[in-house]
Protein backbone atom coordinates (compact mmCIF):
# COMPACT_ATOMS: atom_id res chain seq x y z
CA MET A 1 -183.26 -67.34 -68.12
CA LYS A 2 -186.79 -68.82 -67.99
CA ALA A 3 -189.99 -67.23 -66.79
CA ASN A 4 -193.21 -68.88 -65.62
CA LEU A 5 -195.84 -66.51 -67.03
CA GLY A 6 -198.76 -68.10 -65.16
CA LEU A 7 -201.25 -67.02 -67.86
CA GLY A 8 -203.63 -69.95 -68.32
CA GLY A 9 -200.96 -72.52 -67.58
CA ALA A 10 -197.29 -72.99 -67.00
CA ARG A 11 -195.33 -72.12 -70.14
CA PHE A 12 -191.66 -71.41 -70.15
CA LEU A 13 -190.51 -68.62 -72.46
CA SER A 14 -187.21 -66.89 -72.88
CA TRP A 15 -186.99 -63.22 -71.89
CA GLY A 16 -186.63 -62.36 -75.60
CA THR A 17 -190.08 -63.84 -76.21
CA PHE A 18 -191.65 -62.71 -72.94
CA LEU A 19 -190.90 -58.98 -73.11
CA PRO A 20 -192.37 -58.30 -76.60
CA ALA A 21 -195.49 -60.31 -75.72
CA PHE A 22 -195.80 -58.46 -72.43
CA HIS A 23 -195.41 -55.13 -74.22
CA ARG A 24 -198.20 -55.97 -76.67
CA HIS A 25 -200.43 -57.09 -73.82
CA ILE A 26 -200.00 -53.76 -72.00
CA LYS A 27 -200.49 -51.73 -75.17
CA ILE A 28 -203.77 -53.50 -75.93
CA SER A 29 -204.95 -53.06 -72.33
CA LEU A 30 -204.23 -49.35 -72.18
CA GLY A 31 -205.40 -48.31 -75.63
CA ARG A 32 -203.77 -45.65 -77.75
CA ALA A 33 -204.79 -42.67 -75.60
CA ARG A 34 -203.94 -44.13 -72.20
CA TRP A 35 -200.67 -45.57 -73.47
CA LEU A 36 -199.35 -41.98 -73.39
CA THR A 37 -199.80 -41.93 -69.61
CA PRO A 38 -196.47 -42.54 -67.80
CA VAL A 39 -196.29 -46.00 -66.25
CA ILE A 40 -194.37 -47.00 -63.15
CA LEU A 41 -193.05 -50.53 -62.98
CA ALA A 42 -192.84 -51.77 -59.42
CA LEU A 43 -190.46 -54.73 -59.46
CA TRP A 44 -189.43 -57.08 -56.70
CA GLU A 45 -185.84 -58.24 -56.89
CA ALA A 46 -185.51 -61.87 -55.80
CA GLU A 47 -182.37 -63.55 -54.63
CA GLU A 48 -180.63 -66.05 -56.87
CA ASP A 49 -182.85 -68.72 -58.45
CA GLY A 50 -185.95 -66.54 -57.89
CA ILE A 51 -188.43 -66.95 -60.76
CA PRO A 52 -190.80 -64.12 -61.71
CA ASP A 53 -194.46 -65.07 -61.69
CA LEU A 54 -196.73 -62.55 -63.44
CA ARG A 55 -199.90 -62.97 -61.34
CA SER A 56 -201.63 -59.83 -62.51
CA SER A 57 -201.02 -57.43 -65.34
CA ARG A 58 -203.93 -55.12 -64.50
CA LEU A 59 -203.32 -51.46 -63.72
CA ALA A 60 -203.87 -50.62 -60.08
CA TRP A 61 -203.40 -47.69 -57.77
CA ALA A 62 -200.60 -47.93 -55.23
CA THR A 63 -201.56 -49.89 -52.13
CA ARG A 64 -200.23 -49.67 -48.60
CA GLU A 65 -197.85 -52.52 -49.19
CA HIS A 66 -195.95 -50.51 -51.79
CA ASN A 67 -195.28 -47.61 -49.37
CA PHE A 68 -195.34 -45.33 -52.38
CA GLN A 69 -197.46 -42.21 -52.88
CA GLN A 70 -199.20 -42.26 -56.25
CA PRO A 71 -198.27 -39.17 -58.31
CA GLN A 72 -201.13 -37.46 -60.11
CA GLY A 73 -201.46 -38.50 -63.74
CA MET A 74 -199.40 -41.66 -63.33
CA LEU A 75 -200.43 -45.31 -63.16
CA LEU A 76 -198.82 -48.16 -61.29
CA LEU A 77 -198.27 -51.57 -62.84
CA ARG A 78 -197.80 -54.26 -60.22
CA CYS A 79 -195.68 -57.29 -61.01
CA GLN A 80 -195.22 -59.80 -58.20
CA LEU A 81 -192.39 -62.30 -58.29
CA LYS A 82 -192.66 -65.85 -57.05
CA PRO A 83 -189.36 -66.76 -55.40
CA ALA A 84 -188.05 -70.30 -55.40
CA PRO A 85 -188.52 -71.81 -51.92
CA PRO A 86 -187.17 -71.65 -49.32
CA GLN A 87 -185.65 -68.29 -50.20
CA LYS A 88 -187.62 -65.07 -49.74
CA VAL A 89 -187.70 -61.75 -51.45
CA SER A 90 -184.92 -59.55 -50.10
CA CYS A 91 -185.61 -56.03 -51.34
CA ARG A 92 -187.67 -53.83 -53.60
CA PHE A 93 -186.59 -51.61 -56.44
CA CYS A 94 -188.75 -48.91 -57.94
CA SER A 95 -187.92 -47.01 -61.10
CA MET A 96 -189.96 -43.97 -61.99
CA MET A 97 -190.52 -42.24 -65.30
CA GLY A 98 -191.85 -38.69 -65.60
CA LYS A 99 -190.84 -35.38 -64.18
CA LEU A 100 -192.01 -34.68 -60.66
CA GLN A 101 -191.41 -31.28 -59.16
CA SER A 102 -192.83 -29.59 -56.11
CA LYS A 103 -192.62 -25.86 -55.74
CA LEU A 104 -192.79 -26.21 -51.96
CA LYS A 105 -189.99 -28.72 -51.57
CA HIS A 106 -186.74 -27.45 -50.11
CA SER A 107 -183.67 -29.67 -49.92
CA THR A 108 -180.40 -29.14 -48.10
CA TYR A 109 -177.02 -30.63 -48.71
CA LYS A 110 -174.23 -30.77 -46.19
CA HIS A 111 -170.49 -31.15 -46.75
CA ARG A 112 -168.04 -32.19 -44.07
CA PRO A 113 -164.27 -31.77 -44.59
CA GLU A 114 -163.46 -35.43 -43.81
CA GLU A 115 -165.80 -36.82 -46.45
CA ILE A 116 -168.63 -35.63 -48.63
CA ILE A 117 -171.94 -36.37 -46.95
CA GLU A 118 -175.10 -35.44 -48.78
CA GLU A 119 -177.89 -34.71 -46.35
CA ARG A 120 -181.25 -34.30 -48.04
CA ILE A 121 -183.99 -33.31 -45.63
CA GLN A 122 -187.27 -31.46 -45.61
CA THR A 123 -186.77 -28.01 -44.14
CA LYS A 124 -189.07 -26.45 -41.57
CA ALA A 125 -192.12 -24.55 -42.69
CA PHE A 126 -191.44 -20.90 -43.47
CA GLN A 127 -193.60 -17.82 -43.30
CA GLU A 128 -195.23 -16.28 -46.35
CA TYR A 129 -195.13 -12.51 -45.97
CA SER A 130 -197.07 -10.11 -48.16
CA PRO A 131 -195.24 -10.00 -51.51
CA ALA A 132 -192.94 -7.12 -52.32
CA HIS A 133 -193.34 -7.59 -56.08
CA MET A 134 -195.89 -9.22 -58.34
CA ASP A 135 -193.31 -10.45 -60.85
CA THR A 136 -189.66 -11.49 -61.15
CA VAL A 137 -187.26 -9.77 -58.72
CA PHE A 138 -183.88 -8.98 -60.28
CA VAL A 139 -182.03 -7.27 -57.46
CA VAL A 140 -182.14 -6.78 -53.69
CA ALA A 141 -179.92 -4.72 -51.37
CA ALA A 142 -179.93 -4.00 -47.63
CA LEU A 143 -180.71 -0.39 -46.73
CA ASN A 144 -180.16 -1.02 -42.99
CA SER A 145 -180.52 -3.86 -40.48
CA ASP A 146 -184.33 -3.88 -40.87
CA LEU A 147 -185.07 -2.65 -44.38
CA CYS A 148 -184.16 -3.75 -47.87
CA VAL A 149 -184.79 -2.24 -51.29
CA SER A 150 -185.52 -4.33 -54.35
CA GLY A 151 -186.48 -3.98 -57.97
CA GLY A 152 -187.74 -6.21 -60.73
CA LYS A 153 -189.83 -6.75 -63.78
CA ASP A 154 -192.79 -4.77 -62.43
CA LYS A 155 -190.78 -1.49 -62.92
CA THR A 156 -191.16 -0.72 -59.22
CA VAL A 157 -188.59 -0.14 -56.48
CA VAL A 158 -189.84 -1.37 -53.09
CA ALA A 159 -188.61 -0.58 -49.59
CA TYR A 160 -189.52 -3.54 -47.39
CA ASN A 161 -189.22 -4.33 -43.68
CA TRP A 162 -188.14 -7.97 -43.83
CA LYS A 163 -188.37 -8.40 -40.05
CA THR A 164 -192.07 -7.53 -39.87
CA GLY A 165 -193.05 -8.61 -43.38
CA ASN A 166 -194.49 -5.26 -44.48
CA VAL A 167 -194.03 -3.00 -47.47
CA VAL A 168 -192.75 0.39 -46.29
CA LYS A 169 -193.01 2.29 -49.57
CA ARG A 170 -193.22 1.72 -53.31
CA PHE A 171 -191.36 3.98 -55.73
CA LYS A 172 -192.55 4.32 -59.31
CA GLY A 173 -190.93 6.28 -62.11
CA HIS A 174 -189.06 3.88 -64.35
CA GLU A 175 -190.61 2.90 -67.67
CA HIS A 176 -188.96 -0.52 -67.86
CA GLU A 177 -187.76 -3.23 -65.50
CA ILE A 178 -185.26 -2.47 -62.73
CA THR A 179 -181.76 -3.88 -63.24
CA LYS A 180 -179.75 -2.60 -60.25
CA VAL A 181 -180.17 -0.84 -56.90
CA SER A 182 -177.43 0.67 -54.73
CA CYS A 183 -177.80 2.22 -51.28
CA ILE A 184 -175.97 5.24 -49.89
CA PRO A 185 -174.22 4.06 -46.69
CA LYS A 186 -175.82 5.16 -43.40
CA SER A 187 -178.56 6.99 -45.21
CA SER A 188 -182.19 6.69 -46.24
CA GLN A 189 -181.28 7.37 -49.86
CA PHE A 190 -180.61 4.93 -52.69
CA PHE A 191 -180.32 4.68 -56.47
CA SER A 192 -182.01 2.47 -59.03
CA ALA A 193 -181.09 1.67 -62.63
CA SER A 194 -183.35 0.39 -65.37
CA ARG A 195 -183.60 -0.85 -68.91
CA ASP A 196 -185.06 2.58 -69.73
CA ARG A 197 -181.40 3.86 -69.59
CA MET A 198 -182.20 6.05 -66.58
CA VAL A 199 -180.74 6.19 -63.08
CA MET A 200 -182.98 7.59 -60.34
CA MET A 201 -182.26 8.70 -56.80
CA TRP A 202 -184.86 8.09 -54.08
CA ASP A 203 -185.30 9.02 -50.43
CA LEU A 204 -187.25 6.79 -48.07
CA HIS A 205 -188.45 9.78 -46.06
CA ASP A 206 -189.38 11.85 -49.09
CA THR A 207 -192.22 11.50 -51.58
CA SER A 208 -192.51 8.54 -53.94
CA GLN A 209 -191.09 10.71 -56.73
CA PRO A 210 -187.37 10.55 -57.62
CA ARG A 211 -185.12 13.25 -56.19
CA GLN A 212 -182.81 13.06 -59.20
CA GLN A 213 -182.97 11.55 -62.67
CA LEU A 214 -179.60 10.85 -64.29
CA CYS A 215 -179.53 10.34 -68.04
CA GLY A 216 -176.27 9.69 -69.88
CA HIS A 217 -176.19 6.13 -71.20
CA SER A 218 -177.46 5.04 -74.60
CA MET A 219 -178.32 1.49 -73.51
CA VAL A 220 -179.59 -0.38 -70.45
CA VAL A 221 -177.77 0.55 -67.22
CA THR A 222 -176.23 -2.57 -65.66
CA GLY A 223 -173.93 -1.19 -62.98
CA LEU A 224 -174.30 1.10 -59.94
CA ALA A 225 -171.73 1.88 -57.25
CA VAL A 226 -171.75 4.62 -54.59
CA SER A 227 -168.44 5.94 -53.27
CA PRO A 228 -167.63 5.29 -49.58
CA ASP A 229 -168.01 9.00 -48.76
CA SER A 230 -171.33 9.10 -50.67
CA SER A 231 -170.18 12.03 -52.82
CA GLN A 232 -169.95 10.18 -56.14
CA LEU A 233 -171.89 7.59 -58.11
CA CYS A 234 -170.41 5.38 -60.83
CA THR A 235 -172.71 3.87 -63.46
CA GLY A 236 -172.00 1.34 -66.19
CA SER A 237 -173.94 0.17 -69.20
CA ARG A 238 -174.09 -2.20 -72.12
CA ASP A 239 -172.97 0.74 -74.25
CA ASN A 240 -169.38 -0.01 -73.07
CA THR A 241 -169.16 3.17 -71.00
CA LEU A 242 -168.67 4.15 -67.37
CA LEU A 243 -169.92 7.49 -66.05
CA LEU A 244 -168.91 9.20 -62.81
CA TRP A 245 -171.56 11.50 -61.30
CA ASP A 246 -171.59 14.14 -58.57
CA VAL A 247 -174.32 13.00 -56.18
CA VAL A 248 -175.18 16.51 -54.98
CA THR A 249 -175.46 18.23 -58.36
CA GLY A 250 -176.41 15.22 -60.52
CA GLN A 251 -173.81 16.26 -63.11
CA THR A 252 -171.39 14.00 -65.00
CA VAL A 253 -167.81 14.33 -63.72
CA GLU A 254 -165.95 11.74 -65.82
CA ARG A 255 -166.67 9.49 -68.75
CA ALA A 256 -164.73 6.43 -69.99
CA SER A 257 -165.32 3.92 -72.74
CA VAL A 258 -163.58 0.63 -73.59
CA SER A 259 -164.42 -1.36 -76.70
CA ARG A 260 -166.44 -4.54 -75.99
CA ASN A 261 -166.57 -3.71 -72.30
CA VAL A 262 -170.21 -4.66 -71.72
CA VAL A 263 -170.61 -3.88 -68.01
CA THR A 264 -172.36 -6.48 -65.86
CA HIS A 265 -171.69 -5.10 -62.36
CA LEU A 266 -169.86 -2.38 -60.41
CA CYS A 267 -168.60 -2.31 -56.83
CA TRP A 268 -166.68 0.42 -54.99
CA VAL A 269 -163.67 -0.64 -52.89
CA PRO A 270 -164.15 0.49 -49.24
CA ARG A 271 -161.97 3.44 -48.17
CA GLU A 272 -160.31 3.56 -51.60
CA PRO A 273 -160.79 5.57 -54.82
CA TYR A 274 -161.09 2.32 -56.82
CA ILE A 275 -164.08 0.77 -58.57
CA LEU A 276 -164.29 -2.92 -59.43
CA GLN A 277 -166.12 -3.89 -62.62
CA THR A 278 -167.10 -7.18 -64.29
CA SER A 279 -167.77 -7.49 -68.00
CA GLU A 280 -169.14 -9.75 -70.69
CA ASP A 281 -165.63 -9.79 -72.21
CA LYS A 282 -164.78 -12.22 -69.36
CA THR A 283 -162.53 -9.76 -67.53
CA LEU A 284 -162.41 -8.07 -64.14
CA ARG A 285 -161.20 -4.46 -64.20
CA LEU A 286 -160.10 -2.14 -61.42
CA TRP A 287 -160.77 1.52 -62.19
CA ASP A 288 -159.22 4.58 -60.53
CA SER A 289 -162.00 7.11 -60.01
CA ARG A 290 -159.43 9.93 -60.15
CA GLY A 291 -159.68 10.43 -63.90
CA LEU A 292 -161.65 7.21 -64.41
CA GLN A 293 -158.75 5.20 -65.82
CA VAL A 294 -158.17 1.42 -65.74
CA ALA A 295 -155.67 0.80 -62.94
CA HIS A 296 -155.48 -2.97 -63.34
CA MET A 297 -157.04 -5.73 -65.41
CA PHE A 298 -157.11 -9.21 -63.90
CA PRO A 299 -156.43 -12.32 -66.04
CA ALA A 300 -159.41 -13.11 -68.25
CA LYS A 301 -161.62 -16.03 -67.25
CA GLN A 302 -163.15 -18.61 -69.60
CA HIS A 303 -166.70 -17.35 -69.15
CA ILE A 304 -168.62 -14.09 -68.79
CA GLN A 305 -168.16 -12.45 -65.39
CA THR A 306 -171.58 -11.66 -63.98
CA TYR A 307 -171.00 -10.08 -60.57
CA CYS A 308 -168.33 -8.85 -58.16
CA GLU A 309 -168.09 -8.04 -54.47
CA VAL A 310 -165.32 -6.56 -52.28
CA SER A 311 -164.53 -7.60 -48.70
CA MET A 312 -165.11 -5.06 -45.93
CA ASP A 313 -161.36 -4.59 -45.40
CA GLY A 314 -160.86 -3.94 -49.10
CA HIS A 315 -158.17 -6.61 -49.42
CA LYS A 316 -160.04 -9.22 -51.45
CA CYS A 317 -162.81 -9.48 -54.00
CA ILE A 318 -164.96 -12.19 -55.57
CA SER A 319 -166.18 -12.47 -59.15
CA CYS A 320 -168.81 -14.85 -60.54
CA SER A 321 -168.97 -16.69 -63.86
CA ASN A 322 -171.86 -17.68 -66.04
CA GLY A 323 -172.09 -21.19 -67.46
CA PHE A 324 -174.23 -24.28 -67.85
CA GLY A 325 -173.99 -27.93 -66.85
CA GLY A 326 -171.10 -27.25 -64.49
CA GLU A 327 -168.93 -25.64 -67.18
CA GLY A 328 -167.92 -22.27 -65.79
CA CYS A 329 -170.44 -21.67 -62.97
CA GLU A 330 -167.70 -20.83 -60.47
CA ALA A 331 -166.81 -17.97 -58.14
CA THR A 332 -163.23 -16.72 -57.94
CA LEU A 333 -161.43 -15.02 -55.05
CA TRP A 334 -158.83 -12.38 -55.99
CA ASP A 335 -156.22 -10.45 -54.04
CA LEU A 336 -156.70 -6.68 -54.38
CA ARG A 337 -153.38 -5.82 -52.78
CA GLN A 338 -150.00 -5.68 -54.50
CA THR A 339 -149.94 -9.19 -56.00
CA ARG A 340 -153.54 -9.05 -57.30
CA ASN A 341 -153.41 -12.79 -57.96
CA ARG A 342 -156.17 -15.37 -58.03
CA ILE A 343 -156.40 -16.96 -54.59
CA CYS A 344 -159.13 -19.60 -54.79
CA GLU A 345 -162.01 -20.93 -56.90
CA TYR A 346 -165.36 -22.20 -55.65
CA ARG A 347 -166.89 -24.86 -57.90
CA GLY A 348 -170.11 -26.79 -57.35
CA HIS A 349 -172.91 -24.89 -59.04
CA PHE A 350 -174.34 -26.27 -62.28
CA GLN A 351 -175.65 -23.05 -63.80
CA THR A 352 -174.69 -19.36 -63.88
CA VAL A 353 -173.52 -17.94 -60.56
CA SER A 354 -175.47 -14.69 -60.34
CA SER A 355 -174.31 -13.21 -57.04
CA CYS A 356 -171.81 -13.59 -54.22
CA VAL A 357 -171.22 -11.97 -50.82
CA PHE A 358 -168.68 -12.01 -48.01
CA LEU A 359 -170.46 -13.16 -44.85
CA PRO A 360 -169.98 -11.30 -41.54
CA ARG A 361 -167.01 -12.69 -39.64
CA ALA A 362 -169.17 -13.11 -36.54
CA LEU A 363 -170.98 -16.05 -38.18
CA ALA A 364 -168.09 -18.50 -37.78
CA LEU A 365 -164.48 -18.82 -36.72
CA MET A 366 -163.46 -19.17 -40.36
CA PRO A 367 -164.06 -16.59 -43.12
CA LEU A 368 -167.10 -17.50 -45.24
CA ILE A 369 -168.61 -16.48 -48.54
CA ALA A 370 -172.02 -17.26 -50.03
CA THR A 371 -173.07 -17.64 -53.65
CA SER A 372 -176.44 -17.88 -55.41
CA SER A 373 -177.05 -19.42 -58.81
CA HIS A 374 -179.57 -20.02 -61.55
CA ASP A 375 -179.60 -23.67 -60.39
CA CYS A 376 -181.85 -22.59 -57.45
CA LYS A 377 -179.08 -23.16 -54.89
CA VAL A 378 -177.39 -20.99 -52.30
CA LYS A 379 -174.00 -22.30 -51.14
CA ILE A 380 -171.79 -21.37 -48.20
CA TRP A 381 -168.04 -21.82 -48.74
CA ASN A 382 -164.92 -21.81 -46.64
CA GLN A 383 -163.19 -18.77 -48.08
CA ASP A 384 -159.68 -20.10 -47.48
CA THR A 385 -159.99 -23.73 -48.61
CA GLY A 386 -162.78 -23.50 -51.20
CA ALA A 387 -164.75 -26.29 -49.49
CA CYS A 388 -168.53 -26.12 -49.77
CA LEU A 389 -169.83 -26.23 -46.21
CA PHE A 390 -173.55 -26.13 -46.87
CA THR A 391 -176.04 -25.99 -49.77
CA LEU A 392 -179.66 -24.86 -49.60
CA SER A 393 -181.82 -25.74 -52.60
CA LEU A 394 -184.83 -23.47 -53.10
CA ASP A 395 -186.74 -25.77 -55.44
CA GLY A 396 -189.43 -24.05 -57.46
CA SER A 397 -187.91 -20.59 -57.04
CA GLY A 398 -186.46 -20.49 -60.53
CA PRO A 399 -183.10 -18.81 -61.16
CA LEU A 400 -181.74 -16.95 -58.15
CA THR A 401 -180.81 -13.45 -59.26
CA SER A 402 -179.36 -11.51 -56.31
CA LEU A 403 -177.95 -12.05 -52.83
CA ALA A 404 -177.47 -9.54 -50.00
CA VAL A 405 -176.45 -9.62 -46.34
CA GLY A 406 -179.38 -8.51 -44.16
CA ASP A 407 -177.76 -8.60 -40.72
CA ALA A 408 -175.25 -10.72 -38.81
CA THR A 409 -177.23 -13.96 -39.35
CA SER A 410 -179.57 -13.24 -42.28
CA LEU A 411 -179.34 -13.29 -46.06
CA LEU A 412 -181.79 -11.93 -48.62
CA CYS A 413 -182.06 -13.82 -51.90
CA ALA A 414 -184.07 -12.65 -54.93
CA SER A 415 -185.57 -15.14 -57.38
CA PHE A 416 -187.51 -15.40 -60.63
CA ASN A 417 -190.61 -17.21 -59.37
CA ARG A 418 -191.02 -16.73 -55.64
CA GLY A 419 -189.98 -13.18 -54.84
CA ILE A 420 -187.40 -12.65 -52.11
CA HIS A 421 -186.29 -15.37 -49.68
CA LEU A 422 -185.21 -14.61 -46.13
CA LEU A 423 -182.48 -17.07 -45.14
CA ARG A 424 -181.09 -17.60 -41.67
CA VAL A 425 -177.68 -19.02 -40.73
CA ASP A 426 -178.14 -21.50 -37.87
CA HIS A 427 -175.39 -22.84 -35.60
CA SER A 428 -177.52 -25.04 -33.33
CA ARG A 429 -176.48 -28.21 -35.22
CA GLY A 430 -173.36 -26.91 -36.90
CA LEU A 431 -173.35 -24.50 -39.81
CA GLU A 432 -176.72 -24.62 -41.59
CA LEU A 433 -178.76 -22.32 -43.80
CA GLN A 434 -182.55 -22.30 -43.56
CA GLU A 435 -185.33 -20.44 -45.32
CA VAL A 436 -187.48 -18.73 -42.71
CA ALA A 437 -189.68 -16.46 -44.84
CA ALA A 438 -190.54 -15.43 -48.40
CA PHE A 439 -192.03 -12.19 -49.64
């Protein structure tokens, strides 16, 4: 292939000669310091027999004809091609080098059962409420249909009205970051766990001081679960132990320990004496609180199990896996009834799945679940088929750490970089998930 360089006359050079000479020309023009600046090559692709004509090798900012917004810190090198008459240039191809990321960009992806359709759009502007925390938020839970409680790296537990965007009360007492919170059903009371190895009980209508302080673990507390009748609390830790507490007296009732059972999460089965527990040993255990014995151990997964959740009817549960690059990174649906088999897997995340919830049945005709991940994405799945129905990407939020159902149409999602996100399920154009506020 020949190229007319157009530099002081018509000389025909092969591409093997042209490209090195062009490279040296650019290097001399930019100098050693500016050569480190990323360069964008804007190329015009001609139809067959089109011959490139290098009219200008100077660096220039993007002009209106390029229809391209110049990123800060990047230069644009324009190369125009002279097509062979009578044919004309048919299209334009732009290749970009350098990492561009906007913390305010939110993308959505949509999946239809007939075929996979990726829909990438700019979401509507959302409200910025007053922040609940000044640092990373590790956990969020719904106290009622208006309030949520959350905890994070700032060692503070916060009760927040997510409908008005106001902090209701801050609770301080822990010496290290908060790892878990768990609410007592139909009550103003809740528990928090921390890396200080303590569990504290709080009351929204009481003072900002803890009502109870439970100390029994030798390492960070990583699991909290309140019994359906609110009489007992189960805690788990990285010390391989589970403790069962009397909520009224604050005394230990039962204690159990399993080697290598590093607890990652606990969840009480509704209307049953059973506690579900995930572990770093890649297993999912079902404990009987009557004596705190293992009632069943599900087949081990290939990756660490990070979280678990039980359906409202107590018939099914979900567990989440850690992972990276798509390896692992799945959620698994299990049957809690007699068979206790694996029902379905939900794959599509590319990093650790940190949380999962069963969505209220009123949201759709089909049963749905939602997952959040360290890849900044929240996904909605068809519970029965495993199909991903919608994906919301919260770019710039960092790893998503916790997910909770706020009300019939709202989700609360905690993140590393941008606090807590209020998400709304919208049915006006089919099933969609939108961010409406952050705090």
